[in-house]
């Protein structure tokens, strides 16, 4: 009898939680759809998430990615992100600071604002890197509670730390008001998310996870990007004064990830030339996208 009562309570609780989740999702989509900028950011972030999911699919058919190719893909992603920081975030941030007359609108004032925002973005990611329990592919366990959590969750948190700046960059890019430049940024991030999704799934497979589970986690890792894009567009889109800060913050967060994780990972197996070649190709591709579409 008690077991039946508990089962009934569990069903009721599940129904309440499901109804609440549906209500929150409905309100979320109403909010997003009401603001064209936030809606565009959601679409851009969703394309990036789909690209990540697409990149994981080859793991279903191939057991191992050659180290040289893996390091080249890491370098390619770093190059795309570096160019995105420079051409799609920092330069527009400087222009926005001058246009908004931040601290007088001069070149020194604009550079100081964007520079401070870059340092804040990097510091925020560094803080999360220290506080949030996760497992780097290079350095192993990090964070005070890391040893008390299952390894799956540690990888999930690490990937979320990696993808959050990309989502923020997409959202802030659309908040800047230049749709073509934001499209170029979202396209570049989506392109580098394809090999990134592949590398993440291969790393999870190498860590001992089953093929299907590695693909599932790799696909889920991209869901952080549309959430970050919506958050970035919703916060920064309400004030022109916040725009240069948001652009610089997103650039700083991405630069931290590039320097702290991607480049060291691409060099640790002795394939520096391949990694650097990939970085150069990624940088030029993103520069061309920004020039052609921006």
Protein backbone atom coordinates (compact mmCIF):
# COMPACT_ATOMS: atom_id res chain seq x y z
CA UNK A 1 0.00 0.00 0.00
CA UNK A 2 2.80 2.39 0.95
CA UNK A 3 4.65 1.50 -2.24
CA UNK A 4 1.51 2.30 -4.28
CA UNK A 5 1.08 5.62 -2.46
CA UNK A 6 4.68 6.59 -3.13
CA UNK A 7 4.30 5.65 -6.76
CA UNK A 8 1.19 7.80 -7.03
CA UNK A 9 2.97 10.71 -5.39
CA UNK A 10 5.87 10.31 -7.75
CA UNK A 11 3.52 10.39 -10.71
CA UNK A 12 1.84 13.53 -9.40
CA UNK A 13 5.22 15.15 -8.74
CA UNK A 14 6.42 14.25 -12.22
CA UNK A 15 3.24 15.70 -13.74
CA UNK A 16 3.68 18.96 -11.78
CA UNK A 17 7.34 19.26 -12.77
CA UNK A 18 6.48 18.55 -16.42
CA UNK A 19 3.70 21.12 -16.43
CA UNK A 20 5.98 23.69 -14.82
CA UNK A 21 8.72 22.99 -17.35
CA UNK A 22 6.28 23.36 -20.24
CA UNK A 23 4.97 26.63 -18.79
CA UNK A 24 8.52 27.98 -18.43
CA UNK A 25 9.37 26.92 -21.98
CA UNK A 26 6.21 28.63 -23.28
CA UNK A 27 7.03 31.87 -21.47
CA UNK A 28 10.66 31.64 -22.63
CA UNK A 29 9.69 31.32 -26.29
CA UNK A 30 7.15 34.14 -25.97
CA UNK A 31 9.86 36.36 -24.50
CA UNK A 32 12.39 35.39 -27.14
CA UNK A 33 10.00 35.72 -30.07
CA UNK A 34 8.86 39.17 -28.92
CA UNK A 35 12.36 40.61 -29.38
CA UNK A 36 13.76 40.26 -32.93
CA UNK A 37 17.36 40.65 -31.73
CA UNK A 38 17.03 37.92 -29.10
CA UNK A 39 15.18 35.72 -31.60
CA UNK A 40 18.02 36.12 -34.12
CA UNK A 41 20.54 35.28 -31.39
CA UNK A 42 18.60 32.14 -30.51
CA UNK A 43 18.59 31.05 -34.15
CA UNK A 44 22.32 31.76 -34.50
CA UNK A 45 23.11 29.84 -31.31
CA UNK A 46 20.88 26.97 -32.41
CA UNK A 47 22.74 26.69 -35.74
CA UNK A 48 25.99 26.45 -33.79
CA UNK A 49 24.49 23.76 -31.55
CA UNK A 50 23.31 21.79 -34.58
CA UNK A 51 26.79 22.06 -36.09
CA UNK A 52 28.25 20.60 -32.89
CA UNK A 53 25.75 17.73 -33.08
CA UNK A 54 26.61 17.13 -36.73
CA UNK A 55 30.29 16.91 -35.89
CA UNK A 56 29.77 14.09 -33.41
CA UNK A 57 28.12 11.74 -35.93
CA UNK A 58 31.31 10.27 -37.50
CA UNK A 59 32.12 8.76 -34.08
CA UNK A 60 29.24 6.33 -34.68
CA UNK A 61 31.22 4.82 -37.56
CA UNK A 62 34.89 5.40 -36.68
CA UNK A 63 36.69 4.28 -33.53
CA UNK A 64 39.66 6.69 -33.54
CA UNK A 65 40.59 10.08 -34.95
CA UNK A 66 44.29 10.33 -35.99
CA UNK A 67 46.24 12.55 -33.58
CA UNK A 68 47.55 14.79 -36.36
CA UNK A 69 44.05 15.43 -37.68
CA UNK A 70 42.72 16.00 -34.17
CA UNK A 71 45.41 18.58 -33.41
CA UNK A 72 44.87 20.26 -36.79
CA UNK A 73 41.15 20.55 -35.98
CA UNK A 74 41.94 22.00 -32.55
CA UNK A 75 44.17 24.57 -34.22
CA UNK A 76 41.50 25.35 -36.82
CA UNK A 77 38.95 26.04 -34.09
CA UNK A 78 41.41 28.26 -32.25
CA UNK A 79 42.08 30.23 -35.43
CA UNK A 80 38.38 30.81 -36.10
CA UNK A 81 37.86 31.95 -32.52
CA UNK A 82 40.90 34.27 -32.61
CA UNK A 83 39.67 35.96 -35.78
CA UNK A 84 36.15 36.19 -34.36
CA UNK A 85 37.55 37.91 -31.27
CA UNK A 86 39.46 40.43 -33.37
CA UNK A 87 37.14 41.20 -36.29
CA UNK A 88 33.67 40.42 -34.92
CA UNK A 89 34.01 41.49 -31.27
CA UNK A 90 36.95 43.76 -30.42
CA UNK A 91 36.87 46.05 -33.47
CA UNK A 92 33.05 46.50 -33.29
CA UNK A 93 33.46 47.03 -29.54
CA UNK A 94 35.87 49.90 -30.14
CA UNK A 95 33.48 51.39 -32.72
CA UNK A 96 30.55 51.05 -30.31
CA UNK A 97 32.51 52.72 -27.50
CA UNK A 98 33.31 55.69 -29.73
CA UNK A 99 29.71 55.95 -31.00
CA UNK A 100 28.25 55.78 -27.49
CA UNK A 101 30.68 58.49 -26.32
CA UNK A 102 31.77 56.27 -23.42
CA UNK A 103 34.03 58.38 -21.15
CA UNK A 104 34.14 61.05 -23.84
CA UNK A 105 34.31 58.74 -26.86
CA UNK A 106 38.00 59.25 -27.67
CA UNK A 107 40.33 56.50 -28.87
CA UNK A 108 42.01 56.14 -25.46
CA UNK A 109 38.66 55.94 -23.70
CA UNK A 110 37.30 53.38 -26.18
CA UNK A 111 40.44 51.27 -25.91
CA UNK A 112 40.36 51.44 -22.13
CA UNK A 113 36.73 50.32 -21.94
CA UNK A 114 37.12 47.42 -24.36
CA UNK A 115 40.45 46.43 -22.77
CA UNK A 116 38.91 46.40 -19.30
CA UNK A 117 35.98 44.35 -20.62
CA UNK A 118 38.37 41.81 -22.19
CA UNK A 119 40.15 41.40 -18.85
CA UNK A 120 36.80 41.04 -17.04
CA UNK A 121 35.68 38.32 -19.47
CA UNK A 122 38.91 36.40 -19.03
CA UNK A 123 38.75 36.82 -15.24
CA UNK A 124 35.16 35.54 -15.15
CA UNK A 125 36.11 32.39 -17.08
CA UNK A 126 39.20 31.92 -14.90
CA UNK A 127 37.01 32.12 -11.80
CA UNK A 128 34.54 29.59 -13.20
CA UNK A 129 37.47 27.37 -14.18
CA UNK A 130 38.68 27.40 -10.58
CA UNK A 131 35.32 27.09 -8.84
CA UNK A 132 33.26 24.81 -11.08
CA UNK A 133 34.27 21.14 -10.74
CA UNK A 134 35.27 19.75 -14.15
CA UNK A 135 37.85 17.60 -15.92
CA UNK A 136 40.17 19.00 -18.57
CA UNK A 137 41.30 16.69 -21.33
CA UNK A 138 44.87 17.82 -20.53
CA UNK A 139 45.22 18.57 -16.82
CA UNK A 140 42.71 16.17 -15.30
CA UNK A 141 40.46 17.02 -12.35
CA UNK A 142 39.95 20.66 -11.36
CA UNK A 143 37.66 22.34 -8.84
CA UNK A 144 37.19 21.64 -5.15
CA UNK A 145 34.27 19.20 -5.55
CA UNK A 146 35.65 17.40 -8.62
CA UNK A 147 36.47 14.13 -6.90
CA UNK A 148 32.96 13.82 -5.47
CA UNK A 149 31.22 13.93 -8.86
CA UNK A 150 30.92 11.29 -11.55
CA UNK A 151 33.37 11.70 -14.40
CA UNK A 152 30.54 12.20 -16.91
CA UNK A 153 29.41 15.37 -15.19
CA UNK A 154 32.97 16.65 -14.98
CA UNK A 155 33.30 16.40 -18.75
CA UNK A 156 29.90 18.05 -19.23
CA UNK A 157 30.91 21.01 -17.04
CA UNK A 158 34.24 21.33 -18.87
CA UNK A 159 32.52 21.41 -22.27
CA UNK A 160 29.98 23.93 -20.97
CA UNK A 161 32.85 26.20 -19.86
CA UNK A 162 34.29 25.86 -23.36
CA UNK A 163 31.04 26.59 -25.26
CA UNK A 164 29.53 29.34 -23.09
CA UNK A 165 31.80 32.12 -24.46
CA UNK A 166 30.89 31.14 -28.02
CA UNK A 167 27.18 31.47 -27.25
CA UNK A 168 27.72 34.80 -25.49
CA UNK A 169 29.70 36.06 -28.49
CA UNK A 170 26.87 35.18 -30.87
CA UNK A 171 24.26 36.91 -28.68
CA UNK A 172 26.33 40.04 -28.16
CA UNK A 173 27.13 40.09 -31.88
CA UNK A 174 23.43 40.30 -32.73
CA UNK A 175 22.89 42.90 -30.00
CA UNK A 176 25.46 45.10 -31.78
CA UNK A 177 22.88 45.71 -34.52
CA UNK A 178 24.92 44.67 -37.57
CA UNK A 179 23.02 41.60 -38.74
CA UNK A 180 25.46 40.67 -41.51
CA UNK A 181 28.48 40.82 -39.20
CA UNK A 182 26.57 38.80 -36.57
CA UNK A 183 25.64 36.24 -39.25
CA UNK A 184 29.32 36.00 -40.19
CA UNK A 185 30.26 35.45 -36.54
CA UNK A 186 27.57 32.79 -36.04
CA UNK A 187 28.59 31.09 -39.31
CA UNK A 188 32.26 31.03 -38.32
CA UNK A 189 31.50 29.61 -34.89
CA UNK A 190 29.20 27.00 -36.44
CA UNK A 191 31.93 25.96 -38.90
CA UNK A 192 34.46 25.44 -36.13
CA UNK A 193 31.83 23.68 -34.01
CA UNK A 194 31.68 20.79 -36.49
CA UNK A 195 35.27 19.61 -35.86
CA UNK A 196 34.91 20.64 -32.22
CA UNK A 197 31.93 18.31 -31.78
CA UNK A 198 33.93 15.53 -33.42
CA UNK A 199 36.94 16.07 -31.15
CA UNK A 200 34.79 16.18 -28.01
CA UNK A 201 33.03 12.92 -28.91
CA UNK A 202 36.35 11.24 -29.75
CA UNK A 203 37.83 12.41 -26.43
CA UNK A 204 34.86 11.00 -24.52
CA UNK A 205 35.22 7.73 -26.43
CA UNK A 206 38.92 7.60 -25.55
CA UNK A 207 38.03 8.26 -21.91
CA UNK A 208 36.12 4.97 -21.86
CA UNK A 209 32.55 5.97 -22.62
CA UNK A 210 30.43 3.92 -24.99
CA UNK A 211 30.11 5.15 -28.56
CA UNK A 212 26.42 6.12 -28.36
CA UNK A 213 26.87 7.85 -25.00
CA UNK A 214 29.90 9.81 -26.24
CA UNK A 215 27.88 11.05 -29.22
CA UNK A 216 24.91 11.96 -27.00
CA UNK A 217 27.06 14.00 -24.59
CA UNK A 218 28.86 15.63 -27.51
CA UNK A 219 25.54 16.67 -29.04
CA UNK A 220 24.23 17.95 -25.70
CA UNK A 221 27.37 20.04 -25.21
CA UNK A 222 26.22 22.41 -27.93
CA UNK A 223 23.00 23.31 -26.10
CA UNK A 224 24.93 25.81 -23.98
CA UNK A 225 25.43 28.01 -27.05
CA UNK A 226 21.80 29.03 -27.76
CA UNK A 227 21.29 29.67 -24.04
CA UNK A 228 24.40 31.84 -23.91
CA UNK A 229 23.34 33.61 -27.10
CA UNK A 230 19.92 34.49 -25.67
CA UNK A 231 21.46 35.70 -22.40
CA UNK A 232 24.03 37.84 -24.22
CA UNK A 233 21.49 39.43 -26.56
CA UNK A 234 18.88 40.00 -23.82
CA UNK A 235 21.28 41.73 -21.44
CA UNK A 236 23.38 43.77 -23.86
CA UNK A 237 20.55 44.67 -26.25
CA UNK A 238 18.88 46.95 -23.69
CA UNK A 239 21.62 49.58 -23.52
CA UNK A 240 24.04 51.07 -26.05
CA UNK A 241 26.38 51.86 -23.14
CA UNK A 242 26.64 48.16 -22.30
CA UNK A 243 27.43 47.09 -25.86
CA UNK A 244 31.21 47.76 -25.89
CA UNK A 245 31.47 46.08 -22.49
CA UNK A 246 29.56 43.04 -23.73
CA UNK A 247 31.61 42.72 -26.91
CA UNK A 248 34.87 42.99 -24.98
CA UNK A 249 33.67 40.59 -22.27
CA UNK A 250 32.76 37.93 -24.86
CA UNK A 251 36.13 38.40 -26.57
CA UNK A 252 38.00 38.03 -23.29
CA UNK A 253 36.11 34.88 -22.38
CA UNK A 254 36.91 33.35 -25.78
CA UNK A 255 40.56 34.37 -25.56
CA UNK A 256 40.83 32.66 -22.19
CA UNK A 257 39.47 29.41 -23.61
CA UNK A 258 41.81 29.60 -26.63
CA UNK A 259 44.93 30.19 -24.52
CA UNK A 260 44.03 28.06 -21.51
CA UNK A 261 42.68 24.97 -23.25
CA UNK A 262 42.63 24.76 -27.04
CA UNK A 263 46.19 25.74 -28.03
CA UNK A 264 47.87 23.72 -25.22
CA UNK A 265 45.74 20.71 -26.19
CA UNK A 266 46.69 21.06 -29.85
CA UNK A 267 50.43 21.13 -29.01
CA UNK A 268 50.77 18.48 -26.33
CA UNK A 269 51.21 15.49 -28.70
CA UNK A 270 54.08 17.00 -30.71
CA UNK A 271 52.10 18.08 -33.78
CA UNK A 272 52.67 21.81 -33.39
CA UNK A 273 53.15 22.39 -37.13
CA UNK A 274 49.80 20.80 -37.96
CA UNK A 275 48.07 22.69 -35.17
CA UNK A 276 49.59 26.00 -36.27
CA UNK A 277 48.64 25.34 -39.89
CA UNK A 278 45.08 24.66 -38.80
CA UNK A 279 45.08 27.85 -36.73
CA UNK A 280 46.22 29.94 -39.70
CA UNK A 281 43.59 28.42 -41.98
CA UNK A 282 40.85 28.97 -39.42
CA UNK A 283 41.92 32.56 -38.84
CA UNK A 284 41.92 33.40 -42.55
CA UNK A 285 38.57 31.69 -43.13
CA UNK A 286 36.90 33.66 -40.33
CA UNK A 287 38.53 36.89 -41.56
CA UNK A 288 37.15 36.27 -45.06
CA UNK A 289 33.68 35.51 -43.67
CA UNK A 290 33.68 38.70 -41.64
CA UNK A 291 34.93 40.74 -44.61
CA UNK A 292 32.47 39.23 -47.10
CA UNK A 293 29.38 39.24 -44.87
CA UNK A 294 30.18 42.13 -42.53
